[in-house]
Amino acid sequence: MNSLPLAAFLLLPLPLLFAAEQPPAPALALLIDANTHLAAGRANEAGPLLEKVLQTPGAQPHERMEAEERLAELHRQAKNLPARDPEASRVRLELPARPGVAFHLAPGGNDANDGSADKPFATLERARQAVRDARKDGKLPDGGVTVWIADGNYSVTAPFTLGKNDGGDSVACPVVYRAAPGARPRFTSGVVVRDFKPVADPAVLARTPEEVRSHIWSADLRAQGGADLPPLKLGGFGSGRSFITHPTPELFRDGQAQHLARWPNQGDLAIQEIRGATPNQIHGLKGCKEGLFTVDTDRLARWTAEPDAWLYGYWFWDWADSYEKIAAVDPAARLITLEPPFHTYGYRPKQPFHAINLLAELDAPGEWYLDRAAGRVYVFSQNDPNAGRVELSLLRGWFVDMKDVRHLRWAGVEWD
C-alpha cells in the first residue's frame, strides 16, 4: 500500500486523523463529567449528571451501580454524615447474651486460682486449659465459653497456640476471648526496661561522641528478664543472607518506635572506589563481587571498636537493598571490608549506604544501641527515660497461632 507523503498527511483534516478514536458512551461520558465535578467539590453540578446516568438508555449495569453509589454518598453528605456508612460492608456476629461458662483473666491474677471474677487467672495459657476442661463428652455448655480479660498490660513471651479442640461448637456456642466491659487489655511482647542511669563507664564513654556524653543513658537488661537476646541478623532484597525478615529486638519509648544509632543521621554516604578482586558487569555497569571499597570520610576512626556494625544500602541497583555486616575498617585507607555472604549483585561506585547499630554514633534523639554481649541497652535522651515507658520487644514469632480453629472470636483486645 502506498503511503502518503508527510506534507499530505499534515494537510489531512483533524476529524480524519482521529477517526479511530470513538467518543465514550453517553452514560460513561456523564459519569466522567460527574466525577470531575465531585473532585472539584461541585456536588450540586454532579448530582443531576448522576441522575441522568440512571435515565440513559443502554447504560451498563456497572455504570448504573456507580451512579447509585455516588448519589447515595451525596445524600449522606447532605445530612452531615460521612460519605460512606462504615457498617454497610460489615457483618456483625451476634454473641450469645449469656455464655454457658465464664472465666476471668487479670494482670494481677494467679494461674492457681479458679478463674472466677474474684480469683482470676494470670495467663492466656491457663485460660485455654480451663476452656478445654469445660468440655464434657466433647461438647461445650450451651452458650459456649467466654474469657473476660481485665484492663492492663500482659506480657507475651511465646506464641499463644490454639488448635481444633480450642474453638467453639457452633455460632451459638462459641469460645470468646474478649475485653471486660470498659477495659482495654493490651498484650505486648516486650519487657519494660527500667532503672536507666547516665553512663559513667570511661571505656564506654570513650566510644561515644564527647559532645553528647551527658545525654547517653544505659540499663541492665539481664536484671530485668531480657537476657535472651537473639543475634542481629538482617537481610534485604539482594542480601546474601536472603530476603527473610529475621526477628530482632526493637525499642519503643512511650509507644513510639526508636531507631538504631546510625550515621549519617540524615542522608547517605557513597561508595568511592571498589577494591574487590572479582570484577563483574551487569547490563554494561561495572562493579565487583566482593564487599571491599573506599569511602570519602574520616568517620571510620570511630568505628574500629564496634563489634556489630552494619551498613544498609543499594549496592548495585537502586531497587536491590540489603544490610551488610562490617568485618573491618581501615581509617587510614578509608577502606571498609564487609563480611560474607556478599550482596547477590555485587557492589559498584557511587551507590548510597549508611551505617547502623554503632554505639559510636549514638548522638541524636530517638536513637538506641543494644550491647548483646553485655546485655545492656543504651539510649540517647535529653531527659530522664525513666519518666516514660520504655519497652524492648523480644518475641521471636507471632502473637497467636491458630490452626483448624472454628467458632472462636477475639474482641476488644490490643496486640502491641
Protein backbone atom coordinates (compact mmCIF):
# COMPACT_ATOMS: atom_id res chain seq x y z
CA MET A 1 0.00 0.00 0.00
CA ASN A 2 1.31 3.43 -0.96
CA SER A 3 1.92 5.79 1.91
CA LEU A 4 1.02 9.49 1.92
CA PRO A 5 3.86 11.99 1.86
CA LEU A 6 4.37 13.87 5.12
CA ALA A 7 3.08 17.14 3.66
CA ALA A 8 -0.17 15.48 2.55
CA PHE A 9 -0.56 13.86 5.98
CA LEU A 10 -0.20 17.20 7.73
CA LEU A 11 -2.94 18.65 5.50
CA LEU A 12 -5.49 15.99 6.44
CA PRO A 13 -8.45 17.38 8.39
CA LEU A 14 -8.42 16.63 12.14
CA PRO A 15 -11.62 14.52 12.10
CA LEU A 16 -9.97 12.15 9.63
CA LEU A 17 -6.77 11.95 11.69
CA PHE A 18 -8.63 10.86 14.83
CA ALA A 19 -11.46 8.92 13.25
CA ALA A 20 -10.30 5.74 15.01
CA GLU A 21 -10.90 7.27 18.44
CA GLN A 22 -14.51 6.71 19.46
CA PRO A 23 -16.20 9.07 21.93
CA PRO A 24 -17.24 7.48 25.23
CA ALA A 25 -20.73 6.05 25.52
CA PRO A 26 -23.34 8.57 26.78
CA ALA A 27 -23.62 7.08 30.29
CA LEU A 28 -19.85 6.82 30.67
CA ALA A 29 -19.41 10.41 29.47
CA LEU A 30 -21.91 11.57 32.08
CA LEU A 31 -20.06 9.63 34.80
CA ILE A 32 -16.75 11.18 33.77
CA ASP A 33 -18.25 14.67 33.92
CA ALA A 34 -19.91 13.95 37.27
CA ASN A 35 -16.69 12.64 38.82
CA THR A 36 -14.82 15.70 37.55
CA HIS A 37 -17.32 17.94 39.35
CA LEU A 38 -17.10 15.80 42.51
CA ALA A 39 -13.30 16.03 42.51
CA ALA A 40 -13.60 19.82 42.30
CA GLY A 41 -16.13 19.92 45.16
CA ARG A 42 -19.09 20.83 42.94
CA ALA A 43 -21.65 18.36 44.31
CA ASN A 44 -24.62 20.43 43.11
CA GLU A 45 -23.49 20.06 39.50
CA ALA A 46 -22.56 16.38 39.85
CA GLY A 47 -25.95 15.27 41.21
CA PRO A 48 -28.06 16.00 38.08
CA LEU A 49 -25.48 14.28 35.87
CA LEU A 50 -25.63 11.13 38.02
CA GLU A 51 -29.44 11.19 37.79
CA LYS A 52 -29.14 11.33 34.00
CA VAL A 53 -26.94 8.21 34.04
CA LEU A 54 -29.82 6.27 35.61
CA GLN A 55 -32.17 7.57 32.92
CA THR A 56 -29.84 6.90 29.97
CA PRO A 57 -30.98 4.04 27.71
CA GLY A 58 -28.30 1.42 27.24
CA ALA A 59 -26.35 2.35 30.40
CA GLN A 60 -24.31 -0.63 31.55
CA PRO A 61 -25.09 -2.26 34.95
CA HIS A 62 -21.75 -1.19 36.42
CA GLU A 63 -22.38 2.40 35.26
CA ARG A 64 -25.76 2.45 36.95
CA MET A 65 -24.27 0.94 40.11
CA GLU A 66 -21.55 3.60 40.28
CA ALA A 67 -24.10 6.37 39.76
CA GLU A 68 -26.30 4.97 42.53
CA GLU A 69 -23.33 4.74 44.93
CA ARG A 70 -22.25 8.33 44.21
CA LEU A 71 -25.80 9.61 44.68
CA ALA A 72 -26.15 7.74 47.98
CA GLU A 73 -22.91 9.37 49.14
CA LEU A 74 -24.20 12.81 48.18
CA HIS A 75 -27.44 12.22 50.09
CA ARG A 76 -25.48 11.18 53.20
CA GLN A 77 -23.20 14.20 52.97
CA ALA A 78 -26.25 16.47 52.66
CA LYS A 79 -27.26 15.17 56.10
CA ASN A 80 -23.75 15.92 57.50
CA LEU A 81 -22.91 12.21 57.58
CA PRO A 82 -19.75 10.52 56.25
CA ALA A 83 -19.98 9.76 52.54
CA ARG A 84 -19.91 6.03 53.20
CA ASP A 85 -21.53 4.10 56.01
CA PRO A 86 -18.74 2.09 57.69
CA GLU A 87 -21.30 -0.50 58.80
CA ALA A 88 -22.58 -1.14 55.28
CA SER A 89 -19.81 -3.61 54.39
CA ARG A 90 -19.53 -5.28 57.80
CA VAL A 91 -21.19 -8.45 59.00
CA ARG A 92 -21.86 -8.28 62.71
CA LEU A 93 -21.57 -11.55 64.57
CA GLU A 94 -24.01 -11.64 67.43
CA LEU A 95 -22.56 -13.13 70.59
CA PRO A 96 -24.71 -15.13 72.97
CA ALA A 97 -26.23 -12.83 75.56
CA ARG A 98 -25.10 -15.18 78.29
CA PRO A 99 -22.21 -17.66 77.92
CA GLY A 100 -22.60 -21.06 79.45
CA VAL A 101 -19.31 -20.71 81.33
CA ALA A 102 -17.17 -17.63 82.01
CA PHE A 103 -13.59 -17.32 83.16
CA HIS A 104 -11.63 -14.22 84.08
CA LEU A 105 -8.10 -13.04 83.35
CA ALA A 106 -6.28 -10.15 85.03
CA PRO A 107 -2.71 -8.81 85.21
CA GLY A 108 -2.73 -9.39 88.99
CA GLY A 109 -4.25 -12.86 88.74
CA ASN A 110 -2.77 -16.23 89.55
CA ASP A 111 -2.89 -19.40 87.48
CA ALA A 112 -3.54 -21.34 90.69
CA ASN A 113 -6.88 -19.54 91.00
CA ASP A 114 -10.22 -20.91 89.79
CA GLY A 115 -10.72 -18.21 87.13
CA SER A 116 -13.67 -16.58 88.83
CA ALA A 117 -14.18 -12.82 88.88
CA ASP A 118 -12.74 -12.68 92.41
CA LYS A 119 -9.90 -15.11 91.65
CA PRO A 120 -8.83 -14.54 88.02
CA PHE A 121 -6.16 -16.36 86.06
CA ALA A 122 -2.94 -14.63 85.07
CA THR A 123 -2.19 -16.08 81.61
CA LEU A 124 -3.92 -16.97 78.37
CA GLU A 125 -2.41 -20.45 78.58
CA ARG A 126 -4.23 -21.15 81.85
CA ALA A 127 -7.47 -19.77 80.44
CA ARG A 128 -7.07 -22.02 77.38
CA GLN A 129 -6.77 -25.06 79.65
CA ALA A 130 -9.89 -24.00 81.52
CA VAL A 131 -11.80 -23.83 78.21
CA ARG A 132 -10.62 -27.34 77.39
CA ASP A 133 -11.68 -28.60 80.80
CA ALA A 134 -15.15 -27.08 80.27
CA ARG A 135 -15.86 -29.66 77.57
CA LYS A 136 -17.98 -32.54 78.76
CA ASP A 137 -18.36 -35.53 76.48
CA GLY A 138 -16.66 -33.47 73.76
CA LYS A 139 -19.13 -30.59 73.91
CA LEU A 140 -19.14 -27.14 75.44
CA PRO A 141 -22.07 -25.99 77.59
CA ASP A 142 -24.91 -24.16 75.82
CA GLY A 143 -23.86 -20.58 75.06
CA GLY A 144 -20.19 -21.52 74.84
CA VAL A 145 -17.35 -20.12 76.92
CA THR A 146 -16.21 -16.53 77.37
CA VAL A 147 -12.87 -15.49 78.83
CA TRP A 148 -13.24 -11.96 80.20
CA ILE A 149 -9.92 -10.07 80.08
CA ALA A 150 -9.41 -7.24 82.56
CA ASP A 151 -7.75 -3.93 81.77
CA GLY A 152 -3.96 -3.73 81.88
CA ASN A 153 -0.76 -4.95 80.25
CA TYR A 154 0.03 -8.62 79.65
CA SER A 155 3.50 -9.85 78.74
CA VAL A 156 3.77 -12.37 75.90
CA THR A 157 6.96 -14.45 75.80
CA ALA A 158 5.87 -17.18 73.35
CA PRO A 159 3.20 -17.58 70.65
CA PHE A 160 -0.23 -18.50 72.01
CA THR A 161 -1.31 -21.61 70.11
CA LEU A 162 -4.89 -22.73 69.51
CA GLY A 163 -6.00 -25.94 67.78
CA LYS A 164 -9.20 -27.65 66.73
CA ASN A 165 -10.11 -28.50 70.35
CA ASP A 166 -9.86 -24.86 71.43
CA GLY A 167 -12.72 -23.41 69.38
CA GLY A 168 -16.47 -23.43 69.80
CA ASP A 169 -19.09 -25.89 68.62
CA SER A 170 -21.29 -23.51 66.61
CA VAL A 171 -22.17 -19.87 66.07
CA ALA A 172 -24.47 -20.13 69.09
CA CYS A 173 -21.82 -21.95 71.14
CA PRO A 174 -18.51 -20.11 70.55
CA VAL A 175 -15.31 -19.57 72.51
CA VAL A 176 -14.73 -15.86 73.01
CA TYR A 177 -11.69 -14.06 74.40
CA ARG A 178 -12.90 -10.54 75.00
CA ALA A 179 -12.18 -7.37 76.91
CA ALA A 180 -14.13 -6.92 80.10
CA PRO A 181 -16.71 -4.10 79.96
CA GLY A 182 -14.89 -0.77 79.76
CA ALA A 183 -11.47 -2.47 79.62
CA ARG A 184 -8.74 -2.23 77.00
CA PRO A 185 -6.37 -5.13 77.65
CA ARG A 186 -3.00 -4.87 75.91
CA PHE A 187 -0.78 -7.86 75.13
CA THR A 188 2.82 -6.90 74.49
CA SER A 189 5.85 -8.93 73.51
CA GLY A 190 8.21 -6.51 75.18
CA VAL A 191 9.87 -6.27 78.53
CA VAL A 192 9.59 -2.94 80.30
CA VAL A 193 13.09 -1.53 80.69
CA ARG A 194 13.63 0.33 83.96
CA ASP A 195 16.41 1.76 86.05
CA PHE A 196 18.19 3.75 83.35
CA LYS A 197 21.30 5.53 84.61
CA PRO A 198 23.61 8.07 82.98
CA VAL A 199 26.63 6.25 81.54
CA ALA A 200 29.71 6.63 83.74
CA ASP A 201 31.94 3.80 82.47
CA PRO A 202 35.05 5.51 81.00
CA ALA A 203 35.56 2.75 78.43
CA VAL A 204 32.01 3.15 77.12
CA LEU A 205 32.14 6.94 77.13
CA ALA A 206 35.39 6.84 75.18
CA ARG A 207 33.48 5.19 72.31
CA THR A 208 30.83 7.93 72.17
CA PRO A 209 30.97 11.49 70.80
CA GLU A 210 32.29 13.76 73.54
CA GLU A 211 29.74 16.49 72.91
CA VAL A 212 26.74 14.22 73.68
CA ARG A 213 28.00 12.04 76.53
CA SER A 214 25.76 13.71 79.11
CA HIS A 215 22.72 12.53 77.09
CA ILE A 216 23.58 8.82 76.99
CA TRP A 217 21.75 6.52 79.41
CA SER A 218 22.03 2.77 79.94
CA ALA A 219 20.05 -0.04 81.59
CA ASP A 220 20.95 -3.62 82.51
CA LEU A 221 18.64 -5.98 80.63
CA ARG A 222 19.82 -9.15 82.35
CA ALA A 223 18.45 -7.90 85.65
CA GLN A 224 15.04 -7.29 84.01
CA GLY A 225 14.29 -10.51 82.17
CA GLY A 226 15.94 -9.55 78.91
CA ALA A 227 18.91 -11.88 78.90
CA ASP A 228 17.86 -13.93 75.85
CA LEU A 229 18.92 -11.59 73.07
CA PRO A 230 18.91 -13.03 69.53
CA PRO A 231 21.85 -12.13 67.31
CA LEU A 232 21.45 -9.26 64.89
CA LYS A 233 20.84 -10.88 61.52
CA LEU A 234 19.46 -8.64 58.79
CA GLY A 235 18.62 -9.28 55.15
CA GLY A 236 17.19 -7.36 52.23
CA PHE A 237 16.14 -7.80 48.61
CA GLY A 238 19.64 -8.52 47.32
CA SER A 239 21.13 -9.88 50.53
CA GLY A 240 23.30 -12.97 50.52
CA ARG A 241 21.56 -13.76 53.83
CA SER A 242 18.24 -13.98 51.95
CA PHE A 243 15.22 -11.71 51.79
CA ILE A 244 13.88 -13.11 55.08
CA THR A 245 13.00 -10.63 57.80
CA HIS A 246 14.86 -12.10 60.75
CA PRO A 247 13.41 -11.45 64.23
CA THR A 248 15.33 -8.73 66.02
CA PRO A 249 14.55 -6.70 69.15
CA GLU A 250 13.07 -3.24 68.74
CA LEU A 251 12.89 -0.45 71.30
CA PHE A 252 9.76 1.61 71.95
CA ARG A 253 9.51 4.72 74.09
CA ASP A 254 6.02 5.77 75.12
CA GLY A 255 4.69 3.72 72.21
CA GLN A 256 6.99 5.30 69.61
CA ALA A 257 9.50 3.10 67.77
CA GLN A 258 13.11 4.20 68.20
CA HIS A 259 15.79 3.61 65.56
CA LEU A 260 19.23 2.06 65.82
CA ALA A 261 22.06 4.57 66.09
CA ARG A 262 23.16 5.45 62.56
CA TRP A 263 25.44 7.70 60.56
CA PRO A 264 24.82 9.91 58.76
CA ASN A 265 21.75 10.80 60.79
CA GLN A 266 20.19 12.03 57.55
CA GLY A 267 21.05 11.03 54.00
CA ASP A 268 23.71 8.58 52.87
CA LEU A 269 27.37 8.04 52.10
CA ALA A 270 28.53 6.76 48.71
CA ILE A 271 30.96 4.09 47.59
CA GLN A 272 34.06 5.75 46.16
CA GLU A 273 36.34 3.07 44.73
CA ILE A 274 35.70 -0.68 44.61
CA ARG A 275 38.65 -2.86 45.63
CA GLY A 276 37.22 -6.37 45.21
CA ALA A 277 39.30 -8.97 43.40
CA THR A 278 36.49 -10.27 41.19
CA PRO A 279 35.08 -7.75 38.70
CA ASN A 280 31.56 -8.15 37.37
CA GLN A 281 29.50 -6.36 34.78
CA ILE A 282 25.68 -6.32 34.50
CA HIS A 283 23.99 -4.57 31.57
CA GLY A 284 27.12 -2.53 30.98
CA LEU A 285 27.52 -1.42 34.60
CA LYS A 286 30.83 -2.39 36.14
CA GLY A 287 31.39 -3.41 39.73
CA CYS A 288 32.92 -6.17 41.81
CA LYS A 289 31.54 -9.18 43.67
CA GLU A 290 33.35 -8.66 46.99
CA GLY A 291 32.37 -6.10 49.60
CA LEU A 292 35.60 -4.12 49.67
CA PHE A 293 35.52 -0.41 48.90
CA THR A 294 36.63 3.06 49.98
CA VAL A 295 34.52 5.93 51.28
CA ASP A 296 35.22 9.64 51.44
CA THR A 297 35.02 10.26 55.22
CA ASP A 298 37.22 10.35 58.30
CA ARG A 299 34.40 8.82 60.36
CA LEU A 300 35.80 5.29 60.17
CA ALA A 301 38.21 6.05 63.03
CA ARG A 302 35.21 5.98 65.38
CA TRP A 303 34.12 2.54 64.23
CA THR A 304 37.21 0.48 64.98
CA ALA A 305 35.83 -0.72 68.35
CA GLU A 306 32.33 -1.53 67.06
CA PRO A 307 31.67 -5.30 67.34
CA ASP A 308 28.37 -5.49 65.44
CA ALA A 309 28.20 -2.63 62.94
CA TRP A 310 26.14 -2.95 59.76
CA LEU A 311 25.65 -0.97 56.57
CA TYR A 312 22.33 -0.55 54.78
CA GLY A 313 22.40 0.42 51.14
CA TYR A 314 21.59 -0.09 47.47
CA TRP A 315 24.87 -1.63 46.40
CA PHE A 316 24.46 -2.19 42.66
CA TRP A 317 20.86 -1.38 41.66
CA ASP A 318 18.70 1.35 43.14
CA TRP A 319 15.95 -1.20 43.80
CA ALA A 320 18.01 -4.03 45.38
CA ASP A 321 18.75 -3.15 49.01
CA SER A 322 20.42 -5.15 51.76
CA TYR A 323 22.05 -4.96 55.15
CA GLU A 324 25.74 -5.86 55.07
CA LYS A 325 27.82 -6.58 58.18
CA ILE A 326 31.16 -4.78 58.59
CA ALA A 327 34.11 -7.15 59.03
CA ALA A 328 36.82 -4.47 59.36
CA VAL A 329 37.56 -0.81 58.74
CA ASP A 330 40.88 0.83 57.87
CA PRO A 331 40.60 4.54 58.79
CA ALA A 332 43.93 5.45 57.19
CA ALA A 333 42.96 3.98 53.83
CA ARG A 334 39.27 4.88 54.31
CA LEU A 335 38.57 1.26 53.46
CA ILE A 336 35.57 -0.85 54.53
CA THR A 337 35.62 -4.64 54.35
CA LEU A 338 32.29 -6.44 54.55
CA GLU A 339 31.63 -9.89 55.94
CA PRO A 340 30.39 -12.63 53.56
CA PRO A 341 27.91 -13.58 52.23
CA PHE A 342 28.05 -10.60 49.91
CA HIS A 343 25.24 -8.81 48.09
CA THR A 344 23.96 -11.00 45.25
CA TYR A 345 24.58 -8.37 42.54
CA GLY A 346 27.88 -7.10 43.91
CA TYR A 347 28.99 -3.50 44.51
CA ARG A 348 29.74 -0.52 42.29
CA PRO A 349 30.89 3.08 42.73
CA LYS A 350 28.57 5.96 43.74
CA GLN A 351 25.94 3.69 45.29
CA PRO A 352 24.37 5.02 48.54
CA PHE A 353 24.52 3.49 52.03
CA HIS A 354 24.56 4.40 55.72
CA ALA A 355 25.83 2.72 58.90
CA ILE A 356 23.63 1.39 61.72
CA ASN A 357 24.00 -0.19 65.16
CA LEU A 358 27.06 1.71 66.32
CA LEU A 359 27.46 2.97 69.87
CA ALA A 360 29.95 5.47 68.47
CA GLU A 361 27.09 7.11 66.53
CA LEU A 362 24.58 7.36 69.39
CA ASP A 363 24.21 11.12 69.04
CA ALA A 364 20.59 12.05 68.22
CA PRO A 365 17.16 11.86 69.88
CA GLY A 366 15.32 8.63 69.15
CA GLU A 367 18.50 6.58 68.66
CA TRP A 368 19.40 3.50 70.67
CA TYR A 369 22.03 0.76 70.77
CA LEU A 370 21.97 -2.81 72.10
CA ASP A 371 25.12 -4.39 73.53
CA ARG A 372 24.27 -8.07 73.25
CA ALA A 373 27.48 -9.30 74.87
CA ALA A 374 26.99 -7.19 78.00
CA GLY A 375 23.20 -7.38 78.00
CA ARG A 376 22.80 -3.61 78.15
CA VAL A 377 20.67 -1.15 76.23
CA TYR A 378 21.77 2.43 75.54
CA VAL A 379 19.57 5.38 74.58
CA PHE A 380 20.20 8.99 73.65
CA SER A 381 17.85 11.09 75.76
CA GLN A 382 17.75 14.75 76.69
CA ASN A 383 15.66 13.90 79.76
CA ASP A 384 15.35 11.00 82.20
CA PRO A 385 13.99 7.99 80.23
CA ASN A 386 12.68 6.52 83.49
CA ALA A 387 9.95 9.16 83.40
CA GLY A 388 8.26 7.35 80.50
CA ARG A 389 7.63 3.78 79.42
CA VAL A 390 10.49 2.07 77.58
CA GLU A 391 9.91 -1.41 76.16
CA LEU A 392 12.12 -3.86 74.28
CA SER A 393 10.34 -6.38 72.03
CA LEU A 394 11.75 -9.89 72.40
CA LEU A 395 9.13 -12.26 70.95
CA ARG A 396 10.65 -14.31 68.10
CA GLY A 397 7.46 -15.05 66.22
CA TRP A 398 3.78 -14.16 66.11
CA PHE A 399 1.40 -13.49 68.98
CA VAL A 400 -1.29 -16.07 68.20
CA ASP A 401 -1.01 -19.26 66.14
CA MET A 402 -4.42 -20.74 65.25
CA LYS A 403 -4.88 -23.87 63.14
CA ASP A 404 -8.11 -25.75 62.40
CA VAL A 405 -9.99 -23.44 64.77
CA ARG A 406 -13.73 -22.80 64.37
CA HIS A 407 -16.20 -20.53 66.14
CA LEU A 408 -13.59 -18.58 68.11
CA ARG A 409 -13.53 -14.84 68.47
CA TRP A 410 -11.27 -12.12 69.87
CA ALA A 411 -12.97 -8.88 70.83
CA GLY A 412 -11.57 -5.63 72.17
CA VAL A 413 -8.04 -6.98 72.64
CA GLU A 414 -4.96 -4.98 71.61
CA TRP A 415 -1.78 -6.69 70.39
CA ASP A 416 1.24 -4.44 70.53
